[in-house]
């Protein structure tokens, strides 16, 4: 037990090269000393404290940690799952929280064998689904799908956060995304979907192909064409459709964005999805003013200072999610 504890503690609390990480994962999955491994991992999991992990907003982190704890709960029907598999799932979550891994996959330990794709507070992740479709998850987002994904003529996922989908075409198995009060149906297309509770807005932006957006309670259906955005406002209960430049909503999937003589209004849309914020351009500001710069992994504060220097406007951070640009 002491040796097992030492190995796990050393791995979790010290940077390790890729080869060592792979060896550790193989060791965790090995049935030898399975009970001891699981016991130590669960001790580490239960004692996690946000203050020991990242210098982030503690309230937000505790909420996320509590959510992960609930998702790691083992349902009674799942007791037949082997200890090595249970330990591996716990290890995945513990490693993410302690070592700052940008994104990870956790098997939900319940009878429905749901897979969760999860991204951290300030990270993005790219995943390949079982049908070959690709999904990019924005920061602090989750996507879930069941073990029977792509079976029985349906491909269903559930989204909490923001994602960009590049769906592999299959006319016999529609692809469905459920988020909040909306459901999106496609056959093969590229689109962005967003459901962030803090904003009270759910939206779908189509880059190519065709999608059908349905409100789950009113059964109102809207079919989008490329460069259209459908927004549902939870406060009013209204769905609206408008023409947009879809690329401005989907650019966050890359490693950088080149703003070449773009308007402040267009740049603001890109930044909203890059940083998971909302920007209000006040009435005394000209949104058509054009500027140029390249956005790489700068912090939000650094980017706002760049805009101030180029436009001589003031960028005021109202709270964690809202920015005001004013004279």
Protein backbone atom coordinates (compact mmCIF):
# COMPACT_ATOMS: atom_id res chain seq x y z
CA UNK A 1 0.00 0.00 0.00
CA UNK A 2 2.82 2.43 0.85
CA UNK A 3 4.53 1.79 -2.49
CA UNK A 4 1.24 2.26 -4.40
CA UNK A 5 0.58 5.52 -2.54
CA UNK A 6 4.10 6.77 -3.27
CA UNK A 7 3.83 6.04 -7.00
CA UNK A 8 0.45 7.74 -7.36
CA UNK A 9 1.39 10.76 -5.24
CA UNK A 10 4.65 11.25 -7.16
CA UNK A 11 2.87 11.07 -10.50
CA UNK A 12 0.02 13.42 -9.59
CA UNK A 13 2.13 16.14 -8.03
CA UNK A 14 5.12 16.28 -10.38
CA UNK A 15 5.42 16.97 -14.14
CA UNK A 16 6.02 13.76 -16.05
CA UNK A 17 7.16 13.13 -19.65
CA UNK A 18 4.69 11.53 -22.07
CA UNK A 19 6.39 8.10 -21.87
CA UNK A 20 6.03 8.04 -18.06
CA UNK A 21 2.39 9.14 -18.31
CA UNK A 22 1.63 6.28 -20.70
CA UNK A 23 3.38 3.82 -18.38
CA UNK A 24 1.39 5.13 -15.41
CA UNK A 25 -1.91 4.68 -17.23
CA UNK A 26 -1.00 1.09 -18.11
CA UNK A 27 -0.03 0.45 -14.49
CA UNK A 28 -3.32 1.90 -13.22
CA UNK A 29 -5.30 -0.39 -15.54
CA UNK A 30 -3.41 -3.49 -14.40
CA UNK A 31 -5.49 -5.61 -12.00
CA UNK A 32 -2.61 -6.17 -9.61
CA UNK A 33 -3.16 -4.16 -6.39
CA UNK A 34 -6.40 -2.80 -7.92
CA UNK A 35 -8.07 -2.21 -4.56
CA UNK A 36 -5.08 -0.31 -3.19
CA UNK A 37 -4.83 1.84 -6.31
CA UNK A 38 -8.50 2.72 -6.23
CA UNK A 39 -8.37 3.54 -2.53
CA UNK A 40 -5.47 5.96 -2.93
CA UNK A 41 -7.00 7.62 -5.99
CA UNK A 42 -10.28 8.16 -4.21
CA UNK A 43 -8.48 9.68 -1.24
CA UNK A 44 -6.78 12.16 -3.57
CA UNK A 45 -10.10 12.86 -5.30
CA UNK A 46 -11.97 13.50 -2.06
CA UNK A 47 -9.38 15.86 -0.64
CA UNK A 48 -9.02 18.11 -3.70
CA UNK A 49 -9.09 21.79 -2.84
CA UNK A 50 -9.27 24.51 -5.54
CA UNK A 51 -6.64 26.55 -3.72
CA UNK A 52 -4.12 23.75 -4.35
CA UNK A 53 -4.80 23.48 -8.04
CA UNK A 54 -5.14 26.65 -10.09
CA UNK A 55 -5.26 30.36 -9.36
CA UNK A 56 -8.80 30.71 -10.71
CA UNK A 57 -12.11 31.99 -9.46
CA UNK A 58 -12.67 29.76 -6.41
CA UNK A 59 -16.47 29.89 -6.49
CA UNK A 60 -16.54 28.80 -10.12
CA UNK A 61 -13.98 26.08 -9.50
CA UNK A 62 -15.83 24.66 -6.49
CA UNK A 63 -18.98 24.49 -8.59
CA UNK A 64 -17.13 22.57 -11.31
CA UNK A 65 -15.45 20.30 -8.78
CA UNK A 66 -18.81 19.50 -7.17
CA UNK A 67 -20.26 18.71 -10.57
CA UNK A 68 -17.43 16.32 -11.36
CA UNK A 69 -17.80 14.63 -7.97
CA UNK A 70 -21.47 13.96 -8.73
CA UNK A 71 -20.63 12.59 -12.18
CA UNK A 72 -18.07 10.21 -10.70
CA UNK A 73 -20.71 8.70 -8.41
CA UNK A 74 -21.06 4.94 -8.90
CA UNK A 75 -24.67 3.90 -9.37
CA UNK A 76 -25.76 0.60 -7.71
CA UNK A 77 -26.29 -1.06 -11.09
CA UNK A 78 -22.68 -0.38 -12.00
CA UNK A 79 -21.08 -2.44 -9.22
CA UNK A 80 -19.99 -5.07 -11.70
CA UNK A 81 -17.55 -2.61 -13.27
CA UNK A 82 -14.04 -3.81 -12.56
CA UNK A 83 -11.97 -2.00 -10.00
CA UNK A 84 -9.32 -1.22 -12.59
CA UNK A 85 -11.85 0.57 -14.78
CA UNK A 86 -13.22 2.52 -11.83
CA UNK A 87 -9.73 3.48 -10.76
CA UNK A 88 -8.86 4.56 -14.29
CA UNK A 89 -11.87 6.87 -14.45
CA UNK A 90 -11.01 8.45 -11.11
CA UNK A 91 -7.38 8.79 -12.19
CA UNK A 92 -8.44 10.64 -15.33
CA UNK A 93 -10.33 13.25 -13.32
CA UNK A 94 -7.66 13.57 -10.63
CA UNK A 95 -4.87 13.96 -13.18
CA UNK A 96 -6.83 16.68 -14.99
CA UNK A 97 -7.43 18.66 -11.82
CA UNK A 98 -3.97 18.34 -10.34
CA UNK A 99 -1.79 18.59 -13.43
CA UNK A 100 -3.74 21.13 -15.46
CA UNK A 101 -4.37 18.90 -18.49
CA UNK A 102 -6.37 20.95 -20.98
CA UNK A 103 -9.14 18.46 -21.71
CA UNK A 104 -10.06 14.89 -20.98
CA UNK A 105 -12.57 12.08 -21.43
CA UNK A 106 -14.31 10.43 -18.47
CA UNK A 107 -16.56 7.41 -18.63
CA UNK A 108 -19.61 8.02 -16.46
CA UNK A 109 -19.80 5.10 -14.01
CA UNK A 110 -23.50 4.45 -14.44
CA UNK A 111 -25.59 1.85 -16.19
CA UNK A 112 -26.01 3.93 -19.36
CA UNK A 113 -22.20 4.13 -19.93
CA UNK A 114 -22.28 7.78 -20.93
CA UNK A 115 -19.02 9.33 -22.12
CA UNK A 116 -18.31 12.92 -21.10
CA UNK A 117 -15.94 15.14 -23.06
CA UNK A 118 -14.82 17.95 -20.77
CA UNK A 119 -12.68 21.08 -21.17
CA UNK A 120 -11.07 23.09 -18.39
CA UNK A 121 -11.74 26.70 -17.44
CA UNK A 122 -9.25 28.29 -19.84
CA UNK A 123 -8.74 25.57 -22.46
CA UNK A 124 -10.20 24.20 -25.67
CA UNK A 125 -10.29 20.60 -26.88
CA UNK A 126 -10.68 18.76 -30.19
CA UNK A 127 -12.33 15.32 -30.15
CA UNK A 128 -13.36 12.68 -32.69
CA UNK A 129 -16.75 11.07 -32.07
CA UNK A 130 -17.41 7.35 -32.72
CA UNK A 131 -18.98 8.11 -36.14
CA UNK A 132 -15.91 10.04 -37.32
CA UNK A 133 -17.43 13.49 -36.75
CA UNK A 134 -15.17 16.10 -35.15
CA UNK A 135 -16.12 18.42 -32.31
CA UNK A 136 -14.20 21.33 -30.84
CA UNK A 137 -15.20 22.20 -27.26
CA UNK A 138 -14.68 25.74 -26.06
CA UNK A 139 -13.47 26.49 -22.53
CA UNK A 140 -15.49 25.15 -19.58
CA UNK A 141 -17.75 23.01 -21.78
CA UNK A 142 -19.08 19.45 -21.68
CA UNK A 143 -20.43 17.10 -24.34
CA UNK A 144 -22.08 13.77 -23.49
CA UNK A 145 -23.04 10.76 -25.60
CA UNK A 146 -24.21 7.25 -24.73
CA UNK A 147 -22.57 3.96 -25.54
CA UNK A 148 -25.20 3.30 -28.23
CA UNK A 149 -24.23 6.46 -30.15
CA UNK A 150 -24.67 5.97 -33.92
CA UNK A 151 -26.84 2.90 -33.35
CA UNK A 152 -30.56 2.55 -34.16
CA UNK A 153 -30.42 5.27 -36.81
CA UNK A 154 -29.58 8.19 -34.49
CA UNK A 155 -26.50 10.09 -33.39
CA UNK A 156 -27.36 12.05 -30.24
CA UNK A 157 -25.20 14.27 -28.04
CA UNK A 158 -25.93 16.67 -25.19
CA UNK A 159 -24.08 20.01 -24.90
CA UNK A 160 -23.42 22.26 -21.94
CA UNK A 161 -21.20 25.16 -23.03
CA UNK A 162 -20.02 25.92 -26.55
CA UNK A 163 -18.93 23.64 -29.38
CA UNK A 164 -18.15 23.64 -33.08
CA UNK A 165 -19.23 20.54 -34.99
CA UNK A 166 -17.91 19.14 -38.26
CA UNK A 167 -20.46 16.36 -38.77
CA UNK A 168 -19.75 13.37 -40.98
CA UNK A 169 -22.62 12.99 -43.43
CA UNK A 170 -24.94 10.02 -42.90
CA UNK A 171 -28.41 10.34 -44.45
CA UNK A 172 -29.60 7.24 -42.55
CA UNK A 173 -28.58 8.53 -39.11
CA UNK A 174 -29.35 12.19 -38.35
CA UNK A 175 -27.02 13.97 -35.94
CA UNK A 176 -28.86 15.61 -33.01
CA UNK A 177 -27.56 18.09 -30.45
CA UNK A 178 -29.67 18.82 -27.37
CA UNK A 179 -28.81 21.89 -25.30
CA UNK A 180 -31.02 23.74 -22.85
CA UNK A 181 -34.37 24.25 -24.59
CA UNK A 182 -33.14 23.74 -28.15
CA UNK A 183 -32.45 20.71 -30.31
CA UNK A 184 -30.39 20.86 -33.52
CA UNK A 185 -30.75 18.23 -36.28
CA UNK A 186 -28.30 17.82 -39.15
CA UNK A 187 -27.15 15.20 -41.66
CA UNK A 188 -23.67 16.48 -42.48
CA UNK A 189 -22.55 20.05 -41.90
CA UNK A 190 -20.35 22.51 -39.98
CA UNK A 191 -21.93 24.67 -37.30
CA UNK A 192 -21.40 26.30 -33.91
CA UNK A 193 -23.76 25.73 -30.97
CA UNK A 194 -23.70 27.52 -27.65
CA UNK A 195 -25.58 27.07 -24.37
CA UNK A 196 -24.03 29.03 -21.49
CA UNK A 197 -26.25 29.52 -18.44
CA UNK A 198 -24.56 32.75 -17.36
CA UNK A 199 -25.67 34.49 -20.58
CA UNK A 200 -29.25 33.20 -20.72
CA UNK A 201 -28.81 32.76 -24.47
CA UNK A 202 -28.73 29.67 -26.67
CA UNK A 203 -27.53 30.06 -30.24
CA UNK A 204 -26.69 28.13 -33.38
CA UNK A 205 -24.58 29.54 -36.21
CA UNK A 206 -24.34 27.65 -39.50
CA UNK A 207 -21.11 27.72 -41.50
CA UNK A 208 -22.01 25.21 -44.24
CA UNK A 209 -24.72 22.71 -45.10
CA UNK A 210 -28.11 22.89 -43.42
CA UNK A 211 -29.47 22.55 -39.88
CA UNK A 212 -32.91 22.49 -38.32
CA UNK A 213 -33.34 24.16 -34.93
CA UNK A 214 -36.34 23.21 -32.78
CA UNK A 215 -37.58 24.61 -29.50
CA UNK A 216 -38.28 21.54 -27.36
CA UNK A 217 -41.42 22.95 -25.69
CA UNK A 218 -43.12 25.00 -28.40
CA UNK A 219 -42.03 22.69 -31.26
CA UNK A 220 -41.20 25.81 -33.27
CA UNK A 221 -38.77 24.80 -36.03
CA UNK A 222 -36.36 26.93 -38.03
CA UNK A 223 -34.16 25.79 -40.91
CA UNK A 224 -30.93 27.72 -41.30
CA UNK A 225 -28.82 28.34 -44.38
CA UNK A 226 -25.08 29.14 -44.26
CA UNK A 227 -24.15 32.44 -42.56
CA UNK A 228 -27.32 32.49 -40.50
CA UNK A 229 -27.58 32.62 -36.70
CA UNK A 230 -30.55 31.43 -34.63
CA UNK A 231 -30.74 32.78 -31.06
CA UNK A 232 -33.11 31.78 -28.26
CA UNK A 233 -33.43 34.31 -25.43
CA UNK A 234 -34.52 32.57 -22.23
CA UNK A 235 -35.70 35.85 -20.68
CA UNK A 236 -38.19 36.60 -23.48
CA UNK A 237 -38.79 33.09 -24.84
CA UNK A 238 -38.20 34.37 -28.38
CA UNK A 239 -36.23 32.77 -31.21
CA UNK A 240 -34.68 35.13 -33.74
CA UNK A 241 -32.79 34.51 -36.99
CA UNK A 242 -30.32 36.93 -38.56
CA UNK A 243 -27.68 36.96 -41.27
CA UNK A 244 -24.11 36.96 -39.95
CA UNK A 245 -20.56 36.15 -41.00
CA UNK A 246 -20.33 32.64 -39.58
CA UNK A 247 -16.53 32.64 -39.59
CA UNK A 248 -16.57 35.32 -36.88
CA UNK A 249 -18.47 32.94 -34.58
CA UNK A 250 -16.29 29.90 -35.30
CA UNK A 251 -12.77 31.34 -35.37
CA UNK A 252 -12.08 30.33 -31.74
CA UNK A 253 -11.32 26.77 -32.89
CA UNK A 254 -7.94 27.86 -34.26
CA UNK A 255 -4.67 28.70 -32.52
CA UNK A 256 -4.75 32.35 -33.61
CA UNK A 257 -6.90 34.92 -35.44
CA UNK A 258 -5.56 37.51 -37.88
CA UNK A 259 -7.69 40.67 -37.80
CA UNK A 260 -6.74 42.36 -41.07
CA UNK A 261 -8.48 45.74 -41.39
CA UNK A 262 -11.58 44.37 -39.67
CA UNK A 263 -14.26 46.46 -38.01
CA UNK A 264 -14.44 46.75 -34.24
CA UNK A 265 -17.91 45.17 -34.38
CA UNK A 266 -16.61 42.10 -36.24
CA UNK A 267 -13.65 41.78 -33.90
CA UNK A 268 -15.94 41.96 -30.87
CA UNK A 269 -17.91 38.91 -32.09
CA UNK A 270 -14.69 36.92 -32.50
CA UNK A 271 -13.49 37.89 -29.03
CA UNK A 272 -16.80 36.96 -27.42
CA UNK A 273 -16.37 33.34 -28.45
CA UNK A 274 -12.58 33.26 -27.99
CA UNK A 275 -12.87 34.32 -24.34
CA UNK A 276 -16.45 33.22 -23.45
CA UNK A 277 -17.54 36.80 -22.76
CA UNK A 278 -20.08 39.29 -24.06
CA UNK A 279 -19.04 42.72 -25.33
CA UNK A 280 -21.29 45.78 -25.38
CA UNK A 281 -20.21 48.55 -27.77
CA UNK A 282 -21.72 51.72 -26.33
CA UNK A 283 -23.60 54.24 -28.48
CA UNK A 284 -20.76 56.78 -28.37
CA UNK A 285 -18.38 54.29 -30.07
CA UNK A 286 -18.14 53.78 -33.84
CA UNK A 287 -18.29 49.96 -34.41
CA UNK A 288 -17.21 50.40 -38.04
CA UNK A 289 -13.72 51.67 -37.14
CA UNK A 290 -11.16 49.29 -38.66
CA UNK A 291 -8.01 47.97 -36.98
CA UNK A 292 -5.49 45.18 -37.54
CA UNK A 293 -3.72 42.85 -35.13
CA UNK A 294 -3.12 39.15 -34.57
CA UNK A 295 -4.70 37.36 -31.63
CA UNK A 296 -2.70 34.51 -30.16
CA UNK A 297 -2.91 33.10 -26.61
CA UNK A 298 -2.98 36.61 -25.05
CA UNK A 299 -5.00 37.09 -21.89
CA UNK A 300 -8.27 38.99 -22.12
CA UNK A 301 -6.70 41.97 -20.33
CA UNK A 302 -3.79 42.05 -22.80
CA UNK A 303 -6.18 41.98 -25.77
CA UNK A 304 -8.31 44.78 -24.33
CA UNK A 305 -5.19 46.93 -23.89
CA UNK A 306 -4.30 46.32 -27.57
CA UNK A 307 -7.75 47.52 -28.65
CA UNK A 308 -7.45 50.59 -26.43
CA UNK A 309 -4.07 51.49 -27.94
CA UNK A 310 -5.33 51.06 -31.52
CA UNK A 311 -8.71 52.79 -31.16
CA UNK A 312 -8.23 55.13 -28.17
CA UNK A 313 -11.52 53.83 -26.79
CA UNK A 314 -11.80 52.50 -23.23
CA UNK A 315 -12.44 48.81 -22.54
CA UNK A 316 -14.04 48.31 -19.14
CA UNK A 317 -14.50 44.85 -17.64
CA UNK A 318 -17.86 44.96 -15.86
CA UNK A 319 -17.58 41.44 -14.43
CA UNK A 320 -16.11 38.07 -15.35
CA UNK A 321 -18.26 37.71 -18.47
CA UNK A 322 -19.10 41.26 -19.61
CA UNK A 323 -17.02 43.98 -21.29
CA UNK A 324 -18.03 47.53 -22.19
CA UNK A 325 -16.27 49.51 -24.93
CA UNK A 326 -16.83 53.26 -24.56
CA UNK A 327 -15.22 56.63 -25.25
